[in-house]
Amino acid sequence: QVQLVESGGGLVQPGGSLRLSCAASGRISSISTMGWYRQAPGKERELVAHITSGSTTYYADSAKGRFTISRDNAKNTVYLQMNSLKPEDTAVYFCYAFAPLGAPRNYWGQGTQVTVSS
């Protein structure tokens, strides 16, 4: 099993920045890709960004140029630096970790609220 604990959400004004963190514990060796999804009220959960074990990154179009995902393998932590935040970035952000071996599955964090409002 893998446990994920997110932190760093909160209220920020438009144009501001936040950094989300997601610390993994448990069967760390089983994890390959880690990333972030978000879900706004009344909308489906959408992928924001992910980073592979080889540090290859992917960003949704909405995140390109404003968000940066990074990974500290020594700390088993993935980060999402979010700059130039917009009201439409308001959502619950969920960290996930993909374990591809055996029975492939995603593990999920509990979610952290990000609210962008003046």
C-alpha atoms as a PDB file:
ATOM      1  CA  GLN A   1       0.000   0.000   0.000  1.00  0.00           C
ATOM      2  CA  VAL A   2       0.960   3.621  -0.560  1.00  0.00           C
ATOM      3  CA  GLN A   3      -0.233   6.563   1.500  1.00  0.00           C
ATOM      4  CA  LEU A   4      -0.255  10.097   0.118  1.00  0.00           C
ATOM      5  CA  VAL A   5      -0.582  13.242   2.221  1.00  0.00           C
ATOM      6  CA  GLU A   6      -1.079  16.587   0.522  1.00  0.00           C
ATOM      7  CA  SER A   7      -0.454  20.054   1.923  1.00  0.00           C
ATOM      8  CA  GLY A   8      -0.147  23.628   0.735  1.00  0.00           C
ATOM      9  CA  GLY A   9      -3.638  24.529  -0.398  1.00  0.00           C
ATOM     10  CA  GLY A  10      -5.422  27.681   0.659  1.00  0.00           C
ATOM     11  CA  LEU A  11      -6.905  30.984  -0.401  1.00  0.00           C
ATOM     12  CA  VAL A  12      -4.936  33.198  -2.752  1.00  0.00           C
ATOM     13  CA  GLN A  13      -5.723  36.277  -4.796  1.00  0.00           C
ATOM     14  CA  PRO A  14      -5.740  36.155  -8.596  1.00  0.00           C
ATOM     15  CA  GLY A  15      -2.200  36.390  -9.895  1.00  0.00           C
ATOM     16  CA  GLY A  16      -0.796  34.844  -6.741  1.00  0.00           C
ATOM     17  CA  SER A  17       1.135  31.638  -6.187  1.00  0.00           C
ATOM     18  CA  LEU A  18       0.836  28.472  -4.160  1.00  0.00           C
ATOM     19  CA  ARG A  19       2.978  25.376  -3.834  1.00  0.00           C
ATOM     20  CA  LEU A  20       1.315  22.048  -3.204  1.00  0.00           C
ATOM     21  CA  SER A  21       3.234  19.151  -1.700  1.00  0.00           C
ATOM     22  CA  CYS A  22       2.425  15.454  -1.660  1.00  0.00           C
ATOM     23  CA  ALA A  23       4.422  13.132   0.569  1.00  0.00           C
ATOM     24  CA  ALA A  24       4.307   9.411  -0.143  1.00  0.00           C
ATOM     25  CA  SER A  25       4.899   6.630   2.345  1.00  0.00           C
ATOM     26  CA  GLY A  26       4.539   2.869   2.396  1.00  0.00           C
ATOM     27  CA  ARG A  27       5.576   0.815  -0.650  1.00  0.00           C
ATOM     28  CA  ILE A  28       7.467   3.671  -2.281  1.00  0.00           C
ATOM     29  CA  SER A  29       9.406   1.336  -4.543  1.00  0.00           C
ATOM     30  CA  SER A  30       6.190   0.366  -6.337  1.00  0.00           C
ATOM     31  CA  ILE A  31       5.529   3.921  -7.547  1.00  0.00           C
ATOM     32  CA  SER A  32       6.366   5.141 -11.029  1.00  0.00           C
ATOM     33  CA  THR A  33       4.405   8.215 -12.117  1.00  0.00           C
ATOM     34  CA  MET A  34       3.075  10.778  -9.660  1.00  0.00           C
ATOM     35  CA  GLY A  35       0.929  13.760 -10.379  1.00  0.00           C
ATOM     36  CA  TRP A  36      -1.999  15.990  -9.651  1.00  0.00           C
ATOM     37  CA  TYR A  37      -5.644  16.015 -10.659  1.00  0.00           C
ATOM     38  CA  ARG A  38      -8.170  18.654  -9.734  1.00  0.00           C
ATOM     39  CA  GLN A  39     -11.924  18.769  -9.435  1.00  0.00           C
ATOM     40  CA  ALA A  40     -13.968  21.940  -9.444  1.00  0.00           C
ATOM     41  CA  PRO A  41     -17.568  22.014  -8.187  1.00  0.00           C
ATOM     42  CA  GLY A  42     -19.912  20.449 -10.729  1.00  0.00           C
ATOM     43  CA  LYS A  43     -17.064  19.363 -12.978  1.00  0.00           C
ATOM     44  CA  GLU A  44     -15.238  16.122 -13.651  1.00  0.00           C
ATOM     45  CA  ARG A  45     -11.837  15.435 -12.213  1.00  0.00           C
ATOM     46  CA  GLU A  46      -9.131  16.513 -14.662  1.00  0.00           C
ATOM     47  CA  LEU A  47      -5.412  15.804 -14.919  1.00  0.00           C
ATOM     48  CA  VAL A  48      -3.283  18.863 -14.213  1.00  0.00           C
ATOM     49  CA  ALA A  49       0.259  17.494 -14.457  1.00  0.00           C
ATOM     50  CA  HIS A  50       2.315  14.395 -13.881  1.00  0.00           C
ATOM     51  CA  ILE A  51       5.955  13.413 -13.619  1.00  0.00           C
ATOM     52  CA  THR A  52       7.422   9.993 -14.295  1.00  0.00           C
ATOM     53  CA  SER A  53      10.120   8.233 -12.321  1.00  0.00           C
ATOM     54  CA  GLY A  54      12.504   9.397 -15.043  1.00  0.00           C
ATOM     55  CA  SER A  55      11.357  13.014 -14.532  1.00  0.00           C
ATOM     56  CA  THR A  56       9.457  13.307 -17.782  1.00  0.00           C
ATOM     57  CA  THR A  57       6.659  15.791 -17.256  1.00  0.00           C
ATOM     58  CA  TYR A  58       3.228  16.345 -18.738  1.00  0.00           C
ATOM     59  CA  TYR A  59       0.992  19.391 -18.326  1.00  0.00           C
ATOM     60  CA  ALA A  60      -2.595  20.035 -19.248  1.00  0.00           C
ATOM     61  CA  ASP A  61      -3.006  22.997 -21.564  1.00  0.00           C
ATOM     62  CA  SER A  62      -4.534  24.966 -18.700  1.00  0.00           C
ATOM     63  CA  ALA A  63      -1.367  24.487 -16.649  1.00  0.00           C
ATOM     64  CA  LYS A  64       1.319  25.054 -19.269  1.00  0.00           C
ATOM     65  CA  GLY A  65       3.491  28.074 -18.610  1.00  0.00           C
ATOM     66  CA  ARG A  66       2.043  28.666 -15.141  1.00  0.00           C
ATOM     67  CA  PHE A  67       2.477  25.424 -13.175  1.00  0.00           C
ATOM     68  CA  THR A  68       5.622  23.414 -12.568  1.00  0.00           C
ATOM     69  CA  ILE A  69       5.671  19.856 -11.264  1.00  0.00           C
ATOM     70  CA  SER A  70       8.773  18.476  -9.609  1.00  0.00           C
ATOM     71  CA  ARG A  71       9.788  15.443  -7.616  1.00  0.00           C
ATOM     72  CA  ASP A  72      12.239  14.881  -4.778  1.00  0.00           C
ATOM     73  CA  ASN A  73      12.847  11.142  -4.692  1.00  0.00           C
ATOM     74  CA  ALA A  74      14.967  11.413  -1.537  1.00  0.00           C
ATOM     75  CA  LYS A  75      11.952  12.846   0.279  1.00  0.00           C
ATOM     76  CA  ASN A  76       9.360  10.767  -1.618  1.00  0.00           C
ATOM     77  CA  THR A  77       7.569  14.024  -2.343  1.00  0.00           C
ATOM     78  CA  VAL A  78       6.068  15.606  -5.432  1.00  0.00           C
ATOM     79  CA  TYR A  79       5.419  19.327  -5.696  1.00  0.00           C
ATOM     80  CA  LEU A  80       3.167  21.500  -7.810  1.00  0.00           C
ATOM     81  CA  GLN A  81       4.266  25.125  -8.021  1.00  0.00           C
ATOM     82  CA  MET A  82       1.337  27.187  -9.242  1.00  0.00           C
ATOM     83  CA  ASN A  83       1.922  30.745 -10.414  1.00  0.00           C
ATOM     84  CA  SER A  84      -0.323  33.362 -11.998  1.00  0.00           C
ATOM     85  CA  LEU A  85      -3.331  31.705 -10.461  1.00  0.00           C
ATOM     86  CA  LYS A  86      -6.760  32.410 -11.896  1.00  0.00           C
ATOM     87  CA  PRO A  87     -10.237  32.035 -10.380  1.00  0.00           C
ATOM     88  CA  GLU A  88     -10.825  29.106 -12.719  1.00  0.00           C
ATOM     89  CA  ASP A  89      -7.996  27.247 -10.962  1.00  0.00           C
ATOM     90  CA  THR A  90     -10.243  26.984  -7.915  1.00  0.00           C
ATOM     91  CA  ALA A  91     -10.712  23.293  -7.171  1.00  0.00           C
ATOM     92  CA  VAL A  92      -9.806  20.459  -4.868  1.00  0.00           C
ATOM     93  CA  TYR A  93      -6.392  19.203  -5.929  1.00  0.00           C
ATOM     94  CA  PHE A  94      -5.666  15.504  -5.552  1.00  0.00           C
ATOM     95  CA  CYS A  95      -2.254  13.911  -5.603  1.00  0.00           C
ATOM     96  CA  TYR A  96      -1.949  10.478  -7.144  1.00  0.00           C
ATOM     97  CA  ALA A  97       0.707   7.821  -7.515  1.00  0.00           C
ATOM     98  CA  PHE A  98       0.653   5.092 -10.110  1.00  0.00           C
ATOM     99  CA  ALA A  99       1.969   1.644  -9.242  1.00  0.00           C
ATOM    100  CA  PRO A 100       2.332  -0.291 -12.499  1.00  0.00           C
ATOM    101  CA  LEU A 101       3.474  -3.723 -11.317  1.00  0.00           C
ATOM    102  CA  GLY A 102       1.323  -6.637 -10.266  1.00  0.00           C
ATOM    103  CA  ALA A 103      -2.224  -5.277 -10.251  1.00  0.00           C
ATOM    104  CA  PRO A 104      -1.683  -1.730 -11.653  1.00  0.00           C
ATOM    105  CA  ARG A 105      -3.509   0.937  -9.734  1.00  0.00           C
ATOM    106  CA  ASN A 106      -3.571   4.570  -8.702  1.00  0.00           C
ATOM    107  CA  TYR A 107      -3.301   5.645  -5.100  1.00  0.00           C
ATOM    108  CA  TRP A 108      -4.934   8.919  -4.096  1.00  0.00           C
ATOM    109  CA  GLY A 109      -4.431  11.577  -1.480  1.00  0.00           C
ATOM    110  CA  GLN A 110      -7.304  13.118   0.447  1.00  0.00           C
ATOM    111  CA  GLY A 111      -7.286  16.336  -1.568  1.00  0.00           C
ATOM    112  CA  THR A 112      -6.424  19.917  -0.723  1.00  0.00           C
ATOM    113  CA  GLN A 113      -8.607  22.926  -1.478  1.00  0.00           C
ATOM    114  CA  VAL A 114      -7.241  25.733  -3.622  1.00  0.00           C
ATOM    115  CA  THR A 115      -9.382  28.855  -3.824  1.00  0.00           C
ATOM    116  CA  VAL A 116      -8.419  31.775  -6.053  1.00  0.00           C
ATOM    117  CA  SER A 117     -10.504  34.805  -5.219  1.00  0.00           C
ATOM    118  CA  SER A 118     -10.178  38.488  -4.476  1.00  0.00           C
END
